[in-house]
Protein backbone atom coordinates (compact mmCIF):
# COMPACT_ATOMS: atom_id res chain seq x y z
CA MET A 1 10.73 53.82 -47.34
CA LYS A 2 11.86 54.78 -43.88
CA ALA A 3 15.30 56.20 -43.15
CA ALA A 4 15.94 53.51 -40.54
CA PHE A 5 15.45 50.83 -43.17
CA LEU A 6 17.82 52.53 -45.60
CA ARG A 7 20.41 52.94 -42.88
CA SER A 8 20.13 49.23 -42.18
CA VAL A 9 20.87 48.58 -45.86
CA LEU A 10 24.10 50.54 -45.51
CA ARG A 11 25.03 48.52 -42.47
CA ARG A 12 24.35 45.18 -44.17
CA GLY A 13 25.61 45.59 -47.70
CA GLY A 14 28.87 45.52 -49.53
CA GLY A 15 31.38 44.08 -47.10
CA ALA A 16 33.79 41.31 -47.93
CA SER A 17 31.49 38.80 -46.28
CA ALA A 18 28.55 38.73 -43.94
CA SER A 19 30.80 37.45 -41.16
CA LEU A 20 32.97 40.56 -41.48
CA ILE A 21 30.16 43.00 -40.73
CA PRO A 22 31.32 44.73 -37.53
CA ARG A 23 29.82 43.41 -34.34
CA ARG A 24 29.97 46.83 -32.69
CA ARG A 25 27.98 49.67 -34.20
CA PHE A 26 27.63 53.28 -33.22
CA SER A 27 24.33 55.00 -32.61
CA SER A 28 24.13 58.56 -33.90
CA GLU A 29 24.59 59.77 -30.32
CA ALA A 30 27.69 57.67 -29.61
CA ALA A 31 29.44 58.00 -32.97
CA PRO A 32 32.42 60.37 -33.18
CA ALA A 33 31.88 63.55 -35.18
CA ARG A 34 32.94 62.88 -38.77
CA LYS A 35 32.88 65.29 -41.70
CA VAL A 36 32.45 63.88 -45.19
CA ALA A 37 32.93 66.00 -48.31
CA ILE A 38 31.48 64.92 -51.66
CA LEU A 39 33.14 66.59 -54.66
CA GLY A 40 30.78 66.47 -57.61
CA ALA A 41 27.68 66.33 -55.42
CA ALA A 42 25.30 67.80 -58.00
CA GLY A 43 25.99 65.12 -60.60
CA GLY A 44 24.29 61.87 -61.48
CA ILE A 45 26.27 59.90 -58.90
CA GLY A 46 26.75 62.75 -56.47
CA GLN A 47 23.08 63.40 -55.76
CA PRO A 48 22.02 59.88 -54.74
CA LEU A 49 25.37 59.45 -52.97
CA SER A 50 24.65 62.61 -50.97
CA LEU A 51 21.28 61.22 -49.93
CA LEU A 52 22.74 57.89 -48.87
CA LEU A 53 25.49 59.57 -46.83
CA LYS A 54 22.86 61.80 -45.19
CA LEU A 55 21.22 58.59 -43.98
CA ASN A 56 24.45 57.28 -42.46
CA PRO A 57 24.50 57.81 -38.66
CA LEU A 58 28.32 57.92 -38.68
CA VAL A 59 28.29 61.22 -40.61
CA SER A 60 27.89 64.36 -38.49
CA SER A 61 28.73 66.93 -41.18
CA LEU A 62 28.15 66.60 -44.92
CA ALA A 63 29.80 69.09 -47.28
CA LEU A 64 28.45 69.00 -50.83
CA TYR A 65 30.62 70.63 -53.49
CA ASP A 66 30.27 71.12 -57.24
CA ILE A 67 30.90 73.86 -59.75
CA ALA A 68 27.16 74.63 -59.88
CA GLY A 69 23.82 73.44 -58.57
CA THR A 70 25.01 72.39 -55.15
CA PRO A 71 22.96 74.79 -52.99
CA GLY A 72 19.77 73.23 -54.30
CA VAL A 73 20.99 69.69 -53.71
CA ALA A 74 22.12 70.64 -50.22
CA ALA A 75 18.79 72.29 -49.39
CA ASP A 76 16.90 69.24 -50.60
CA VAL A 77 19.05 66.71 -48.74
CA SER A 78 19.16 68.84 -45.59
CA HIS A 79 15.43 68.32 -45.04
CA VAL A 80 16.02 64.62 -44.32
CA ASN A 81 15.65 64.19 -40.55
CA THR A 82 18.95 62.52 -39.74
CA ARG A 83 21.96 63.52 -37.68
CA SER A 84 24.26 65.24 -40.14
CA GLU A 85 24.41 68.95 -40.85
CA VAL A 86 24.49 69.67 -44.60
CA LYS A 87 26.17 72.57 -46.38
CA GLY A 88 26.41 73.18 -50.10
CA TYR A 89 29.29 74.91 -51.86
CA ALA A 90 29.32 76.00 -55.51
CA SER A 91 32.24 77.24 -57.63
CA GLU A 92 35.97 76.80 -57.21
CA ASP A 93 36.10 79.75 -54.81
CA TYR A 94 34.49 77.60 -52.11
CA LEU A 95 36.39 74.33 -52.54
CA GLY A 96 38.53 75.11 -49.49
CA LYS A 97 35.49 75.72 -47.30
CA ALA A 98 34.00 72.42 -48.41
CA LEU A 99 37.19 70.50 -47.64
CA GLU A 100 38.38 72.06 -44.39
CA GLY A 101 38.20 69.59 -41.50
CA SER A 102 37.08 66.64 -43.62
CA ASP A 103 37.76 63.12 -42.37
CA LEU A 104 36.68 61.53 -45.65
CA VAL A 105 36.55 63.01 -49.16
CA ILE A 106 34.65 61.23 -51.92
CA ILE A 107 35.22 62.23 -55.56
CA PRO A 108 32.51 61.23 -58.05
CA ALA A 109 33.15 64.41 -60.11
CA GLY A 110 33.54 64.15 -63.87
CA ILE A 111 31.56 63.43 -66.99
CA PRO A 112 29.63 60.14 -67.30
CA ARG A 113 30.20 57.53 -69.96
CA LYS A 114 28.04 57.77 -73.06
CA PRO A 115 27.23 55.12 -75.69
CA GLY A 116 30.36 54.16 -77.60
CA MET A 117 32.61 55.89 -75.07
CA THR A 118 35.27 53.85 -73.31
CA ARG A 119 36.75 54.68 -69.94
CA ASP A 120 39.84 55.76 -71.81
CA ASP A 121 37.75 58.38 -73.62
CA LEU A 122 36.85 59.83 -70.24
CA PHE A 123 40.49 60.30 -69.37
CA LYS A 124 41.17 63.60 -71.08
CA ILE A 125 38.42 65.41 -69.19
CA ASN A 126 38.26 63.57 -65.89
CA ALA A 127 42.03 63.49 -65.36
CA GLY A 128 42.15 67.28 -65.19
CA ILE A 129 39.18 67.42 -62.83
CA VAL A 130 40.68 64.90 -60.41
CA LYS A 131 44.09 66.59 -60.51
CA SER A 132 42.56 69.95 -59.61
CA LEU A 133 40.42 68.56 -56.79
CA CYS A 134 43.34 66.62 -55.31
CA GLU A 135 45.42 69.79 -55.27
CA GLY A 136 42.66 71.27 -53.11
CA ILE A 137 42.65 68.24 -50.82
CA ALA A 138 46.43 68.50 -50.41
CA MET A 139 46.02 72.10 -49.32
CA TYR A 140 42.93 71.99 -47.11
CA CYS A 141 42.59 68.45 -45.65
CA PRO A 142 45.79 66.47 -46.34
CA ASN A 143 45.04 63.92 -43.61
CA ALA A 144 41.62 62.90 -44.94
CA LEU A 145 40.85 59.50 -46.43
CA VAL A 146 40.19 59.95 -50.16
CA ASN A 147 37.78 57.74 -52.13
CA ILE A 148 38.17 58.10 -55.91
CA ILE A 149 35.09 57.20 -57.94
CA SER A 150 35.84 59.32 -61.03
CA ASN A 151 36.65 57.14 -64.02
CA PRO A 152 38.95 55.79 -65.28
CA VAL A 153 39.89 54.72 -61.74
CA ASN A 154 42.88 52.76 -63.05
CA SER A 155 44.38 56.14 -64.02
CA THR A 156 42.75 58.64 -61.66
CA VAL A 157 44.07 56.94 -58.51
CA PRO A 158 47.68 57.18 -59.76
CA ILE A 159 46.94 60.81 -60.69
CA ALA A 160 45.84 61.51 -57.12
CA ALA A 161 48.93 59.75 -55.74
CA GLU A 162 51.22 61.83 -57.94
CA VAL A 163 49.52 65.08 -56.93
CA PHE A 164 49.73 64.27 -53.23
CA ASN A 165 53.34 63.16 -53.60
CA SER A 166 54.26 66.39 -55.39
CA LYS A 167 52.72 68.34 -52.51
CA GLY A 168 54.53 66.27 -49.88
CA VAL A 169 51.35 64.87 -48.32
CA TYR A 170 50.98 61.44 -49.93
CA ASP A 171 49.98 58.65 -47.57
CA GLU A 172 49.38 55.39 -49.40
CA LYS A 173 47.14 54.19 -46.58
CA LYS A 174 44.62 56.97 -47.20
CA LEU A 175 44.01 56.77 -50.95
CA PHE A 176 41.40 54.38 -52.35
CA GLY A 177 39.96 53.64 -55.75
CA VAL A 178 36.34 52.63 -55.23
CA THR A 179 35.80 49.30 -57.02
CA THR A 180 32.87 48.25 -54.85
CA LEU A 181 30.45 48.37 -57.79
CA ASP A 182 32.35 45.46 -59.38
CA VAL A 183 31.84 43.49 -56.16
CA VAL A 184 28.16 44.44 -55.99
CA ARG A 185 27.64 43.31 -59.59
CA ALA A 186 29.57 40.07 -59.13
CA LYS A 187 27.50 39.20 -56.07
CA THR A 188 24.24 40.00 -57.83
CA PHE A 189 25.03 38.12 -61.03
CA TYR A 190 26.47 35.10 -59.20
CA ALA A 191 23.49 34.86 -56.86
CA GLY A 192 21.10 35.00 -59.80
CA LYS A 193 22.89 32.30 -61.76
CA ALA A 194 23.39 30.03 -58.72
CA ASN A 195 19.85 30.62 -57.39
CA LEU A 196 21.18 31.89 -54.06
CA LYS A 197 20.02 34.67 -51.75
CA VAL A 198 22.14 37.63 -52.78
CA ALA A 199 22.44 38.83 -49.17
CA ASP A 200 24.31 35.60 -48.35
CA VAL A 201 26.76 35.85 -51.26
CA ASN A 202 30.34 37.09 -51.23
CA VAL A 203 32.61 37.40 -54.29
CA PRO A 204 36.00 39.12 -54.11
CA VAL A 205 36.95 41.15 -57.19
CA VAL A 206 40.59 42.02 -57.90
CA GLY A 207 42.69 43.74 -60.56
CA GLY A 208 41.40 47.10 -61.73
CA HIS A 209 38.15 48.87 -62.53
CA ALA A 210 37.76 48.73 -66.32
CA GLY A 211 37.01 45.97 -68.80
CA ILE A 212 39.35 42.99 -68.66
CA THR A 213 41.21 44.43 -65.67
CA ILE A 214 38.14 43.55 -63.55
CA LEU A 215 38.67 40.01 -62.29
CA PRO A 216 35.94 38.48 -60.10
CA LEU A 217 37.23 35.46 -58.22
CA PHE A 218 34.24 33.18 -58.51
CA SER A 219 36.39 30.24 -57.37
CA GLN A 220 36.42 31.95 -53.95
CA ALA A 221 32.71 32.84 -53.97
CA THR A 222 30.59 31.81 -51.02
CA PRO A 223 28.30 29.95 -50.76
CA LYS A 224 29.99 27.60 -53.19
CA ALA A 225 28.07 26.71 -56.36
CA ASN A 226 29.22 24.33 -59.07
CA LEU A 227 28.42 26.40 -62.15
CA GLY A 228 30.87 25.02 -64.69
CA ASP A 229 33.49 26.78 -66.80
CA GLU A 230 31.15 28.28 -69.41
CA LYS A 231 28.92 29.92 -66.82
CA ILE A 232 31.93 31.25 -64.89
CA GLU A 233 33.32 32.79 -68.07
CA ALA A 234 29.93 34.34 -68.87
CA LEU A 235 29.62 35.74 -65.34
CA THR A 236 33.13 37.16 -65.55
CA LYS A 237 32.38 38.87 -68.85
CA ARG A 238 29.09 40.29 -67.57
CA THR A 239 30.79 41.69 -64.48
CA GLN A 240 33.47 43.28 -66.65
CA GLU A 241 30.87 44.79 -69.01
CA GLY A 242 28.30 45.79 -66.38
CA GLY A 243 28.86 49.49 -66.99
CA THR A 244 28.33 49.11 -70.73
CA GLU A 245 25.15 47.14 -70.05
CA VAL A 246 23.71 50.11 -68.14
CA VAL A 247 24.90 52.74 -70.63
CA GLU A 248 23.25 50.88 -73.50
CA ALA A 249 20.05 50.26 -71.52
CA LYS A 250 19.76 53.98 -70.79
CA ALA A 251 20.13 54.68 -74.52
CA GLY A 252 22.51 57.57 -74.20
CA LYS A 253 20.71 59.24 -71.31
CA GLY A 254 23.01 58.19 -68.51
CA SER A 255 25.40 55.67 -67.03
CA ALA A 256 25.54 53.59 -63.85
CA THR A 257 24.72 56.37 -61.42
CA LEU A 258 22.38 54.77 -58.88
CA SER A 259 24.27 51.51 -58.44
CA MET A 260 27.55 53.44 -58.28
CA ALA A 261 26.13 55.75 -55.61
CA TYR A 262 25.05 52.71 -53.60
CA ALA A 263 28.48 51.11 -53.96
CA GLY A 264 30.20 54.39 -53.05
CA ALA A 265 28.05 54.71 -49.94
CA ILE A 266 28.88 51.16 -48.90
CA PHE A 267 32.60 51.77 -49.22
CA ALA A 268 32.41 55.13 -47.43
CA ASP A 269 30.51 53.49 -44.59
CA SER A 270 33.29 50.91 -44.23
CA CYS A 271 35.95 53.65 -44.22
CA LEU A 272 34.11 55.47 -41.45
CA LYS A 273 33.77 52.29 -39.42
CA GLY A 274 37.50 51.73 -39.81
CA LEU A 275 38.25 55.27 -38.65
CA ASN A 276 36.03 54.68 -35.63
CA GLY A 277 37.97 51.58 -34.63
CA VAL A 278 35.50 48.90 -35.66
CA GLU A 279 37.42 45.67 -36.16
CA ASP A 280 37.47 43.31 -39.15
CA VAL A 281 36.26 45.76 -41.78
CA VAL A 282 37.35 44.34 -45.14
CA GLU A 283 36.52 45.65 -48.63
CA CYS A 284 37.99 45.27 -52.09
CA SER A 285 39.68 48.46 -53.27
CA PHE A 286 42.23 49.73 -55.82
CA VAL A 287 45.19 50.83 -53.70
CA GLN A 288 48.97 51.05 -53.72
CA SER A 289 49.94 47.42 -53.47
CA SER A 290 52.72 44.86 -53.53
CA VAL A 291 50.33 41.96 -54.17
CA THR A 292 51.58 41.91 -57.78
CA GLU A 293 54.46 43.63 -59.55
CA LEU A 294 52.10 46.53 -60.40
CA PRO A 295 52.23 49.61 -58.14
CA PHE A 296 48.43 49.75 -57.79
CA PHE A 297 46.07 46.81 -57.68
CA ALA A 298 42.58 46.02 -56.38
CA SER A 299 42.31 43.32 -53.75
CA LYS A 300 40.79 42.82 -50.33
CA VAL A 301 41.91 45.51 -47.89
CA ARG A 302 41.51 45.63 -44.12
CA LEU A 303 40.41 49.10 -43.03
CA GLY A 304 41.24 50.83 -39.76
CA LYS A 305 41.96 54.10 -38.00
CA LYS A 306 44.80 54.97 -40.39
CA GLY A 307 42.95 53.90 -43.53
CA VAL A 308 44.58 50.79 -44.98
CA GLU A 309 45.63 48.52 -42.14
CA GLU A 310 46.55 45.60 -44.37
CA VAL A 311 46.47 44.76 -48.06
CA LEU A 312 45.42 41.12 -48.28
CA GLY A 313 46.73 38.60 -50.79
CA LEU A 314 44.85 37.08 -53.70
CA GLY A 315 44.40 33.63 -52.20
CA PRO A 316 44.19 30.49 -54.35
CA LEU A 317 43.18 31.12 -57.96
CA SER A 318 41.67 28.75 -60.50
CA ASP A 319 43.59 28.11 -63.71
CA TYR A 320 41.12 30.35 -65.55
CA GLU A 321 41.60 33.18 -63.04
CA GLN A 322 45.38 32.84 -63.18
CA ARG A 323 45.28 33.20 -66.96
CA ARG A 324 42.98 36.20 -66.74
CA LEU A 325 45.24 37.75 -64.10
CA GLU A 326 48.25 37.59 -66.39
CA ALA A 327 46.17 38.88 -69.32
CA LEU A 328 44.96 41.97 -67.46
CA LYS A 329 48.37 43.13 -66.22
CA PRO A 330 49.61 44.86 -69.41
CA GLU A 331 46.44 46.92 -69.78
CA LEU A 332 46.36 47.86 -66.11
CA LYS A 333 50.05 48.77 -66.20
CA ALA A 334 49.46 51.06 -69.18
CA SER A 335 46.55 52.79 -67.46
CA ILE A 336 48.58 53.39 -64.30
CA GLU A 337 51.48 54.81 -66.30
CA LYS A 338 49.10 57.05 -68.23
CA GLY A 339 47.88 58.61 -65.00
CA VAL A 340 51.40 59.15 -63.68
CA ALA A 341 52.52 60.70 -66.98
CA PHE A 342 49.53 63.07 -67.03
CA VAL A 343 50.60 64.73 -63.78
CA ARG A 344 54.29 64.78 -64.58
CA ASN A 345 53.61 66.38 -67.98
CA ASN A 346 51.15 68.93 -66.61
C-alpha cells in the first residue's frame, strides 16, 4: 500500500462530516514546520500511531518517547520516505528532549485493558503515568496542544488539567481527550446496519469515553436511516462496548490498538489543520465544557490556531438519547472527580 494512499485516508477520515473536510490542504513543501511528540510510542497503540503520523505531510518532526524500546521503533519508522524527521528517546532522562519545541503532544502511554478489566481498573496505574508525563509537558512545552488517549479518559483528562493548573500553565483550549474511536465505531456500525457507504456516514458521539458515558447520537446521523428503536438501542450498546468486543476477540492478547491508533491519527491530523489555520475543522472530543453542568464533556468541537475555537452544543436529542444523557451524568461526574482527587491527594 503506497504512502500517498495512506495519507489520503488521513485526509478523508474521521471528521465531523464529509462537508467539513477542509477545502485547503497543505503540501509537504508548503506546510508549516510542526513537531509532534508521542509519549508511549513503543506500545501497542504507539507504534502504529507513530507510523500513521510519519505518513502525515503536516508533521515535520516526530519525537517518539517511551521508557524502553523507542530507538528501535524510531529507526524502523524513520525509513519511511516521507517528510518528517524521526527521533527516538528512551527513559525518563530524555523526556525533556522529546518534548522541547512540540506543537502537539499525544499520550497513548499506559497499560492496555485485559479480559475482565474495566477502565476503572486501569486507573491506578495509568493515572500515575499521565500525571508524570503532564508534569514534563508543563515544564518543557506548556503551549503545546495535548491529546490524551490513555484510559480511563474520563479521569485522565481531569488529571492533566489539575497538573497543568498546579503548574500555572493550564489552557482549557489546548487539552483534549481523544474520543474519536467512539465516532469511528458508531459510523462503522451504523453504516453496516443501514446498508450505507461508511465513507458517507457521520455520527456525533457525546458524553465520555467509557461504557454508558459514551452516547452516540444516531438521531443526528447522516445520511438518515429509519432503523427503529430496537436497532438504535443495539447500535448504542455495541458502540459503548466496542472496546470489550476487541479485548474478548483477542483472547487476552491485546486491546483495541490498531483502531485506536487510526482514530488518534485522525484527531491529531485535525488538530494540526486547526493550528495551520484551516477553517471548519470539527471533531468530537472530551474537553472542558459548559454544554452540561459537568466540567468536562465530549461534544463537537471546532478546532483552530489556539486549539478549541468553539465547543458546540448537543443539538436536538431523541427521547431515548435524552434519557441516556441523564443516566450517564452520575458515572461521568464520579470519574471526573476521581481524576481531580488523584492529583490533589498526590
